[in-house]
Amino acid sequence: MVHLRPINWANIDVHYKWNNDEELNYYDSDYPHEKESYQSFVARLKELDSDDNPTVSIFEVLENNTNRLIGLVDIHGIDTQNKRCFMECTIAEKDFRNLGYGKAASELALKYCFENLNMNKVMTTSFDFNDAWIHIIESLGFMQEAKLRQHAFKKGEYLDKLVFGILKPEYEKQSYSGLTIKNLSTL
């Protein structure tokens, strides 16, 4: 269904467009949408994606049949001492939402976190209104660990943010089929 690959800098314009998408920001960010300049975005992404930053791995999500770029997986807060990290997945192309691509990409991200990074715990967050993301992560075995009450002020109201986690033994009990991670052996 999908595969992951490290960021292809030839796609920077697409990433910039997604970064400045107000709807994506509403679901992903604690802060109100503000258009970021192209130069600022490129500099920030280069810093995050740098070999000097071992706490972040960012991958593009591509649809298998067409190789079309449809989203991003962001693995951050990589803590090798405590063997934990955060994983987020965004299917940015609207035509590919609610069709299983987010779940498939998240399965690949979990495989990478547990099998390549040797994490013991992977966490993710969701605003309480994001039923689609909550459904995906719970179907992957994540359990809610915390509720950050009135965590962000969006569109005139305070919203709760939920924290979910999955441990390596819980991941190992899941059965994911057809996982393919391309070009990750070099990371």
C-alpha atoms as a PDB file:
ATOM      1  CA  MET A   1       0.000   0.000   0.000  1.00  0.00           C
ATOM      2  CA  VAL A   2       2.737   2.484   1.020  1.00  0.00           C
ATOM      3  CA  HIS A   3       6.439   2.684   1.606  1.00  0.00           C
ATOM      4  CA  LEU A   4       8.632   5.120   3.497  1.00  0.00           C
ATOM      5  CA  ARG A   5      11.817   6.808   2.414  1.00  0.00           C
ATOM      6  CA  PRO A   6      13.991   9.571   3.841  1.00  0.00           C
ATOM      7  CA  ILE A   7      13.087  13.072   2.713  1.00  0.00           C
ATOM      8  CA  ASN A   8      13.796  13.710  -0.932  1.00  0.00           C
ATOM      9  CA  TRP A   9      14.846  17.341  -1.117  1.00  0.00           C
ATOM     10  CA  ALA A  10      13.484  17.527  -4.656  1.00  0.00           C
ATOM     11  CA  ASN A  11      10.047  17.523  -2.939  1.00  0.00           C
ATOM     12  CA  ILE A  12      10.733  20.535  -0.736  1.00  0.00           C
ATOM     13  CA  ASP A  13       8.007  22.615  -2.422  1.00  0.00           C
ATOM     14  CA  VAL A  14       5.376  19.978  -1.566  1.00  0.00           C
ATOM     15  CA  HIS A  15       6.572  19.846   2.042  1.00  0.00           C
ATOM     16  CA  TYR A  16       6.450  23.626   2.225  1.00  0.00           C
ATOM     17  CA  LYS A  17       2.853  23.638   0.924  1.00  0.00           C
ATOM     18  CA  TRP A  18       1.829  21.064   3.550  1.00  0.00           C
ATOM     19  CA  ASN A  19       3.642  23.007   6.291  1.00  0.00           C
ATOM     20  CA  ASN A  20       1.501  26.047   5.502  1.00  0.00           C
ATOM     21  CA  ASP A  21      -1.812  24.172   5.222  1.00  0.00           C
ATOM     22  CA  GLU A  22      -4.169  25.583   7.861  1.00  0.00           C
ATOM     23  CA  GLU A  23      -6.251  22.382   8.138  1.00  0.00           C
ATOM     24  CA  LEU A  24      -3.189  20.171   8.687  1.00  0.00           C
ATOM     25  CA  ASN A  25      -1.933  22.666  11.273  1.00  0.00           C
ATOM     26  CA  TYR A  26      -5.242  22.446  13.149  1.00  0.00           C
ATOM     27  CA  TYR A  27      -4.846  18.688  13.589  1.00  0.00           C
ATOM     28  CA  ASP A  28      -1.072  18.608  14.156  1.00  0.00           C
ATOM     29  CA  SER A  29       0.039  21.716  16.034  1.00  0.00           C
ATOM     30  CA  ASP A  30      -0.518  23.157  19.477  1.00  0.00           C
ATOM     31  CA  TYR A  31      -0.166  26.647  18.024  1.00  0.00           C
ATOM     32  CA  PRO A  32      -2.346  28.783  15.753  1.00  0.00           C
ATOM     33  CA  HIS A  33      -1.570  28.629  12.063  1.00  0.00           C
ATOM     34  CA  GLU A  34       1.035  31.134  10.898  1.00  0.00           C
ATOM     35  CA  LYS A  35       2.436  31.115   7.401  1.00  0.00           C
ATOM     36  CA  GLU A  36       6.154  30.355   7.561  1.00  0.00           C
ATOM     37  CA  SER A  37       8.515  31.804   4.969  1.00  0.00           C
ATOM     38  CA  TYR A  38      10.099  29.408   2.495  1.00  0.00           C
ATOM     39  CA  GLN A  39      13.620  30.243   3.698  1.00  0.00           C
ATOM     40  CA  SER A  40      12.706  29.709   7.348  1.00  0.00           C
ATOM     41  CA  PHE A  41      11.001  26.400   6.567  1.00  0.00           C
ATOM     42  CA  VAL A  42      13.944  25.055   4.556  1.00  0.00           C
ATOM     43  CA  ALA A  43      16.426  26.069   7.266  1.00  0.00           C
ATOM     44  CA  ARG A  44      14.292  24.469   9.999  1.00  0.00           C
ATOM     45  CA  LEU A  45      13.806  21.246   8.046  1.00  0.00           C
ATOM     46  CA  LYS A  46      17.516  21.002   7.212  1.00  0.00           C
ATOM     47  CA  GLU A  47      18.337  21.380  10.893  1.00  0.00           C
ATOM     48  CA  LEU A  48      15.819  18.686  11.848  1.00  0.00           C
ATOM     49  CA  ASP A  49      16.939  16.336   9.059  1.00  0.00           C
ATOM     50  CA  SER A  50      20.660  16.830   9.722  1.00  0.00           C
ATOM     51  CA  ASP A  51      22.985  13.916  10.456  1.00  0.00           C
ATOM     52  CA  ASP A  52      24.011  15.982  13.501  1.00  0.00           C
ATOM     53  CA  ASN A  53      20.494  15.573  14.952  1.00  0.00           C
ATOM     54  CA  PRO A  54      20.084  11.961  16.108  1.00  0.00           C
ATOM     55  CA  THR A  55      16.790  12.720  17.885  1.00  0.00           C
ATOM     56  CA  VAL A  56      14.705  13.106  14.698  1.00  0.00           C
ATOM     57  CA  SER A  57      13.962  10.964  11.643  1.00  0.00           C
ATOM     58  CA  ILE A  58      11.558  12.255   9.010  1.00  0.00           C
ATOM     59  CA  PHE A  59      10.231  10.069   6.218  1.00  0.00           C
ATOM     60  CA  GLU A  60       8.077  10.628   3.195  1.00  0.00           C
ATOM     61  CA  VAL A  61       5.054   8.364   2.733  1.00  0.00           C
ATOM     62  CA  LEU A  62       4.648   7.178  -0.862  1.00  0.00           C
ATOM     63  CA  GLU A  63       1.787   5.208  -2.384  1.00  0.00           C
ATOM     64  CA  ASN A  64       3.175   1.939  -3.782  1.00  0.00           C
ATOM     65  CA  ASN A  65       1.427   1.770  -7.166  1.00  0.00           C
ATOM     66  CA  THR A  66       2.161   5.312  -8.325  1.00  0.00           C
ATOM     67  CA  ASN A  67       5.096   6.219  -6.061  1.00  0.00           C
ATOM     68  CA  ARG A  68       3.156   9.445  -5.346  1.00  0.00           C
ATOM     69  CA  LEU A  69       4.191  11.427  -2.273  1.00  0.00           C
ATOM     70  CA  ILE A  70       1.127  11.509   0.005  1.00  0.00           C
ATOM     71  CA  GLY A  71       2.366  12.293   3.498  1.00  0.00           C
ATOM     72  CA  LEU A  72       5.009  12.326   6.200  1.00  0.00           C
ATOM     73  CA  VAL A  73       6.095  10.267   9.171  1.00  0.00           C
ATOM     74  CA  ASP A  74       7.912  12.192  11.882  1.00  0.00           C
ATOM     75  CA  ILE A  75       9.834  10.264  14.521  1.00  0.00           C
ATOM     76  CA  HIS A  76      11.156  12.646  17.148  1.00  0.00           C
ATOM     77  CA  GLY A  77      12.318  12.791  20.729  1.00  0.00           C
ATOM     78  CA  ILE A  78      14.465   9.720  20.003  1.00  0.00           C
ATOM     79  CA  ASP A  79      15.970   8.868  23.384  1.00  0.00           C
ATOM     80  CA  THR A  80      18.501   6.042  23.034  1.00  0.00           C
ATOM     81  CA  GLN A  81      19.240   6.001  26.775  1.00  0.00           C
ATOM     82  CA  ASN A  82      15.636   5.252  27.768  1.00  0.00           C
ATOM     83  CA  LYS A  83      14.770   3.633  24.413  1.00  0.00           C
ATOM     84  CA  ARG A  84      11.684   5.717  23.682  1.00  0.00           C
ATOM     85  CA  CYS A  85      10.480   8.102  20.999  1.00  0.00           C
ATOM     86  CA  PHE A  86       7.424   9.817  19.548  1.00  0.00           C
ATOM     87  CA  MET A  87       5.874   8.958  16.203  1.00  0.00           C
ATOM     88  CA  GLU A  88       3.450  11.088  14.186  1.00  0.00           C
ATOM     89  CA  CYS A  89       1.963  10.389  10.772  1.00  0.00           C
ATOM     90  CA  THR A  90       0.187  12.814   8.457  1.00  0.00           C
ATOM     91  CA  ILE A  91      -1.476  11.852   5.209  1.00  0.00           C
ATOM     92  CA  ALA A  92      -1.409  15.315   3.712  1.00  0.00           C
ATOM     93  CA  GLU A  93      -2.956  14.580   0.327  1.00  0.00           C
ATOM     94  CA  LYS A  94      -6.724  14.695   0.870  1.00  0.00           C
ATOM     95  CA  ASP A  95      -7.546  12.097  -1.817  1.00  0.00           C
ATOM     96  CA  PHE A  96      -5.593   9.498   0.191  1.00  0.00           C
ATOM     97  CA  ARG A  97      -7.181  10.091   3.609  1.00  0.00           C
ATOM     98  CA  ASN A  98      -9.465   7.565   5.289  1.00  0.00           C
ATOM     99  CA  LEU A  99      -8.369   4.794   2.911  1.00  0.00           C
ATOM    100  CA  GLY A 100      -5.915   2.922   5.159  1.00  0.00           C
ATOM    101  CA  TYR A 101      -2.745   4.746   4.101  1.00  0.00           C
ATOM    102  CA  GLY A 102      -2.243   6.382   7.507  1.00  0.00           C
ATOM    103  CA  LYS A 103      -2.478   3.042   9.273  1.00  0.00           C
ATOM    104  CA  ALA A 104      -0.119   1.382   6.789  1.00  0.00           C
ATOM    105  CA  ALA A 105       2.445   4.190   7.145  1.00  0.00           C
ATOM    106  CA  SER A 106       2.140   4.060  10.945  1.00  0.00           C
ATOM    107  CA  GLU A 107       2.773   0.296  10.887  1.00  0.00           C
ATOM    108  CA  LEU A 108       5.980   0.938   8.956  1.00  0.00           C
ATOM    109  CA  ALA A 109       6.983   3.676  11.386  1.00  0.00           C
ATOM    110  CA  LEU A 110       6.470   1.327  14.330  1.00  0.00           C
ATOM    111  CA  LYS A 111       8.538  -1.348  12.603  1.00  0.00           C
ATOM    112  CA  TYR A 112      11.321   1.185  12.110  1.00  0.00           C
ATOM    113  CA  CYS A 113      11.131   2.401  15.725  1.00  0.00           C
ATOM    114  CA  PHE A 114      11.152  -1.042  17.305  1.00  0.00           C
ATOM    115  CA  GLU A 115      13.294  -2.987  14.862  1.00  0.00           C
ATOM    116  CA  ASN A 116      15.733  -0.414  13.461  1.00  0.00           C
ATOM    117  CA  LEU A 117      16.026   2.015  16.375  1.00  0.00           C
ATOM    118  CA  ASN A 118      15.561  -0.718  19.020  1.00  0.00           C
ATOM    119  CA  MET A 119      13.087   1.355  21.031  1.00  0.00           C
ATOM    120  CA  ASN A 120      11.225  -0.112  24.005  1.00  0.00           C
ATOM    121  CA  LYS A 121       8.381   2.411  23.833  1.00  0.00           C
ATOM    122  CA  VAL A 122       6.809   4.507  21.095  1.00  0.00           C
ATOM    123  CA  MET A 123       4.462   7.339  21.987  1.00  0.00           C
ATOM    124  CA  THR A 124       2.146   9.560  20.000  1.00  0.00           C
ATOM    125  CA  THR A 125      -0.325  12.326  20.725  1.00  0.00           C
ATOM    126  CA  SER A 126      -3.721  13.364  19.463  1.00  0.00           C
ATOM    127  CA  PHE A 127      -6.179  16.121  20.118  1.00  0.00           C
ATOM    128  CA  ASP A 128      -9.321  14.644  21.625  1.00  0.00           C
ATOM    129  CA  PHE A 129     -11.376  15.600  18.542  1.00  0.00           C
ATOM    130  CA  ASN A 130      -9.189  13.662  16.071  1.00  0.00           C
ATOM    131  CA  ASP A 131     -11.250  10.461  16.015  1.00  0.00           C
ATOM    132  CA  ALA A 132      -9.601   9.124  12.836  1.00  0.00           C
ATOM    133  CA  TRP A 133      -6.057   9.242  14.299  1.00  0.00           C
ATOM    134  CA  ILE A 134      -7.214   7.850  17.641  1.00  0.00           C
ATOM    135  CA  HIS A 135      -8.894   4.951  15.827  1.00  0.00           C
ATOM    136  CA  ILE A 136      -5.697   4.195  13.877  1.00  0.00           C
ATOM    137  CA  ILE A 137      -3.357   4.221  16.835  1.00  0.00           C
ATOM    138  CA  GLU A 138      -5.672   2.194  19.057  1.00  0.00           C
ATOM    139  CA  SER A 139      -6.014  -0.381  16.262  1.00  0.00           C
ATOM    140  CA  LEU A 140      -2.200  -0.615  16.249  1.00  0.00           C
ATOM    141  CA  GLY A 141      -2.112  -1.408  19.969  1.00  0.00           C
ATOM    142  CA  PHE A 142      -1.429   2.014  21.466  1.00  0.00           C
ATOM    143  CA  MET A 143      -3.027   2.679  24.848  1.00  0.00           C
ATOM    144  CA  GLN A 144      -3.932   6.064  26.259  1.00  0.00           C
ATOM    145  CA  GLU A 145      -1.500   6.997  29.020  1.00  0.00           C
ATOM    146  CA  ALA A 146      -2.389  10.596  29.764  1.00  0.00           C
ATOM    147  CA  LYS A 147      -4.808  13.416  29.110  1.00  0.00           C
ATOM    148  CA  LEU A 148      -3.366  16.918  28.964  1.00  0.00           C
ATOM    149  CA  ARG A 149      -6.404  18.966  29.937  1.00  0.00           C
ATOM    150  CA  GLN A 150      -7.105  22.229  28.113  1.00  0.00           C
ATOM    151  CA  HIS A 151      -3.702  21.895  26.473  1.00  0.00           C
ATOM    152  CA  ALA A 152      -4.209  24.141  23.447  1.00  0.00           C
ATOM    153  CA  PHE A 153      -6.470  27.038  22.556  1.00  0.00           C
ATOM    154  CA  LYS A 154      -7.858  26.578  19.034  1.00  0.00           C
ATOM    155  CA  LYS A 155     -10.745  28.261  17.270  1.00  0.00           C
ATOM    156  CA  GLY A 156     -11.988  29.892  20.443  1.00  0.00           C
ATOM    157  CA  GLU A 157     -11.898  26.891  22.784  1.00  0.00           C
ATOM    158  CA  TYR A 158      -9.462  24.946  24.933  1.00  0.00           C
ATOM    159  CA  LEU A 159      -8.803  21.421  23.714  1.00  0.00           C
ATOM    160  CA  ASP A 160      -7.457  18.370  25.468  1.00  0.00           C
ATOM    161  CA  LYS A 161      -4.480  16.505  24.086  1.00  0.00           C
ATOM    162  CA  LEU A 162      -4.134  12.766  24.647  1.00  0.00           C
ATOM    163  CA  VAL A 163      -0.869  10.857  24.994  1.00  0.00           C
ATOM    164  CA  PHE A 164      -0.699   7.240  23.819  1.00  0.00           C
ATOM    165  CA  GLY A 165       2.040   4.626  24.062  1.00  0.00           C
ATOM    166  CA  ILE A 166       2.893   1.129  22.924  1.00  0.00           C
ATOM    167  CA  LEU A 167       5.630  -1.049  24.417  1.00  0.00           C
ATOM    168  CA  LYS A 168       7.846  -3.419  22.443  1.00  0.00           C
ATOM    169  CA  PRO A 169       6.208  -6.599  23.859  1.00  0.00           C
ATOM    170  CA  GLU A 170       2.791  -5.176  22.894  1.00  0.00           C
ATOM    171  CA  TYR A 171       4.077  -4.376  19.407  1.00  0.00           C
ATOM    172  CA  GLU A 172       5.477  -7.892  19.027  1.00  0.00           C
ATOM    173  CA  LYS A 173       1.999  -9.340  19.677  1.00  0.00           C
ATOM    174  CA  GLN A 174       0.549  -7.368  16.748  1.00  0.00           C
ATOM    175  CA  SER A 175       0.534  -8.922  13.296  1.00  0.00           C
ATOM    176  CA  TYR A 176       1.352  -6.519  10.516  1.00  0.00           C
ATOM    177  CA  SER A 177       1.638  -7.924   7.024  1.00  0.00           C
ATOM    178  CA  GLY A 178       3.284  -6.698   3.865  1.00  0.00           C
ATOM    179  CA  LEU A 179       5.595  -4.168   5.511  1.00  0.00           C
ATOM    180  CA  THR A 180       8.236  -2.704   3.231  1.00  0.00           C
ATOM    181  CA  ILE A 181      10.631   0.006   4.209  1.00  0.00           C
ATOM    182  CA  LYS A 182      12.699   1.249   1.281  1.00  0.00           C
ATOM    183  CA  ASN A 183      16.034   3.009   1.568  1.00  0.00           C
ATOM    184  CA  LEU A 184      16.183   2.850   5.362  1.00  0.00           C
ATOM    185  CA  SER A 185      19.178   0.550   5.608  1.00  0.00           C
ATOM    186  CA  THR A 186      21.467   3.551   5.201  1.00  0.00           C
ATOM    187  CA  LEU A 187      20.111   5.326   8.282  1.00  0.00           C
END
